Amino acid sequence: MGICSWCGDAFPRTRATRKYCTPRCRTNACLGRKPRRVRAADVEALHAMLDADYPTVEALRAHLQRILRPEAPPPPLMGDRAYIPRLD
């Protein structure tokens, strides 16, 4: 038995179905794939950002985050700095 990488259902694993339970899940997985490379428009925006002058490092970081991760929420703040939890 295998578990579908798209929907999480259990299915009998065969040579034709190794990662996905149905061809529909396989197609949906292809459509939902996240890009692994930076888009050309984002690269141009990064070059323009590197040529610009910023008053503070925080302004530069905020602009960089808007280019690379526009949908991400702002990082949590502790005082005036970003909070980074420790893993130990």
Protein backbone atom coordinates (compact mmCIF):
# COMPACT_ATOMS: atom_id res chain seq x y z
CA MET A 1 0.00 0.00 0.00
CA GLY A 2 1.09 3.53 -0.69
CA ILE A 3 -0.14 6.97 0.31
CA CYS A 4 -1.00 9.47 -2.42
CA SER A 5 1.36 12.45 -2.47
CA TRP A 6 -1.52 14.77 -3.50
CA CYS A 7 -4.64 13.76 -1.56
CA GLY A 8 -3.20 11.50 1.16
CA ASP A 9 -5.45 8.48 0.43
CA ALA A 10 -4.13 4.95 0.75
CA PHE A 11 -3.96 3.01 -2.54
CA PRO A 12 -2.46 -0.25 -3.80
CA ARG A 13 0.97 0.58 -5.18
CA THR A 14 1.70 -0.66 -8.72
CA ARG A 15 4.19 0.25 -11.40
CA ALA A 16 1.69 2.71 -12.90
CA THR A 17 0.75 4.27 -9.56
CA ARG A 18 3.87 4.96 -7.54
CA LYS A 19 3.20 8.38 -6.00
CA TYR A 20 -0.43 9.21 -6.85
CA CYS A 21 -3.60 7.14 -6.47
CA THR A 22 -5.23 8.31 -9.73
CA PRO A 23 -4.20 10.17 -12.89
CA ARG A 24 -6.37 13.06 -11.70
CA CYS A 25 -4.29 13.45 -8.52
CA ARG A 26 -1.16 13.30 -10.64
CA THR A 27 -2.46 16.10 -12.88
CA ASN A 28 -3.52 18.22 -9.92
CA ALA A 29 -0.09 17.74 -8.36
CA CYS A 30 1.53 19.02 -11.55
CA LEU A 31 -0.75 22.08 -11.59
CA GLY A 32 -0.17 22.83 -7.91
CA ARG A 33 3.62 22.64 -8.11
CA LYS A 34 5.50 25.59 -6.68
CA PRO A 35 8.16 27.17 -8.88
CA ARG A 36 11.71 26.42 -7.80
CA ARG A 37 13.33 29.27 -9.68
CA VAL A 38 13.04 33.01 -9.36
CA ARG A 39 11.01 34.59 -12.15
CA ALA A 40 12.74 36.90 -14.66
CA ALA A 41 10.64 39.87 -13.50
CA ASP A 42 11.76 39.25 -9.93
CA VAL A 43 15.41 39.13 -11.03
CA GLU A 44 15.01 42.51 -12.74
CA ALA A 45 13.39 43.90 -9.60
CA LEU A 46 16.31 42.57 -7.53
CA HIS A 47 18.83 44.27 -9.83
CA ALA A 48 16.93 47.56 -9.54
CA MET A 49 16.83 47.12 -5.77
CA LEU A 50 20.60 46.60 -5.61
CA ASP A 51 21.16 49.81 -7.57
CA ALA A 52 18.91 51.86 -5.26
CA ASP A 53 19.92 53.52 -1.99
CA TYR A 54 18.04 52.70 1.22
CA PRO A 55 18.12 54.71 4.44
CA THR A 56 18.12 51.63 6.72
CA VAL A 57 18.71 47.90 6.51
CA GLU A 58 15.11 47.28 7.60
CA ALA A 59 13.82 49.16 4.54
CA LEU A 60 16.04 47.03 2.31
CA ARG A 61 14.80 43.81 3.96
CA ALA A 62 11.16 44.88 3.65
CA HIS A 63 11.61 45.61 -0.06
CA LEU A 64 13.37 42.28 -0.61
CA GLN A 65 10.57 40.41 1.15
CA ARG A 66 7.93 42.17 -0.99
CA ILE A 67 9.75 40.98 -4.14
CA LEU A 68 10.43 37.37 -3.19
CA ARG A 69 7.49 36.57 -0.89
CA PRO A 70 4.64 39.01 -1.48
CA GLU A 71 2.01 36.81 0.21
CA ALA A 72 4.01 36.17 3.38
CA PRO A 73 3.04 37.97 6.59
CA PRO A 74 5.61 40.27 8.18
CA PRO A 75 7.97 38.56 10.63
CA PRO A 76 7.01 38.66 14.31
CA LEU A 77 8.75 41.46 16.20
CA MET A 78 10.24 41.43 19.68
CA GLY A 79 10.92 45.02 20.56
CA ASP A 80 12.46 46.58 17.46
CA ARG A 81 13.99 43.36 16.03
CA ALA A 82 12.56 40.29 14.30
CA TYR A 83 11.93 37.37 16.66
CA ILE A 84 13.71 34.15 15.61
CA PRO A 85 12.86 31.15 17.84
CA ARG A 86 15.69 28.89 18.97
CA LEU A 87 15.56 25.19 18.15
CA ASP A 88 17.40 23.88 21.19
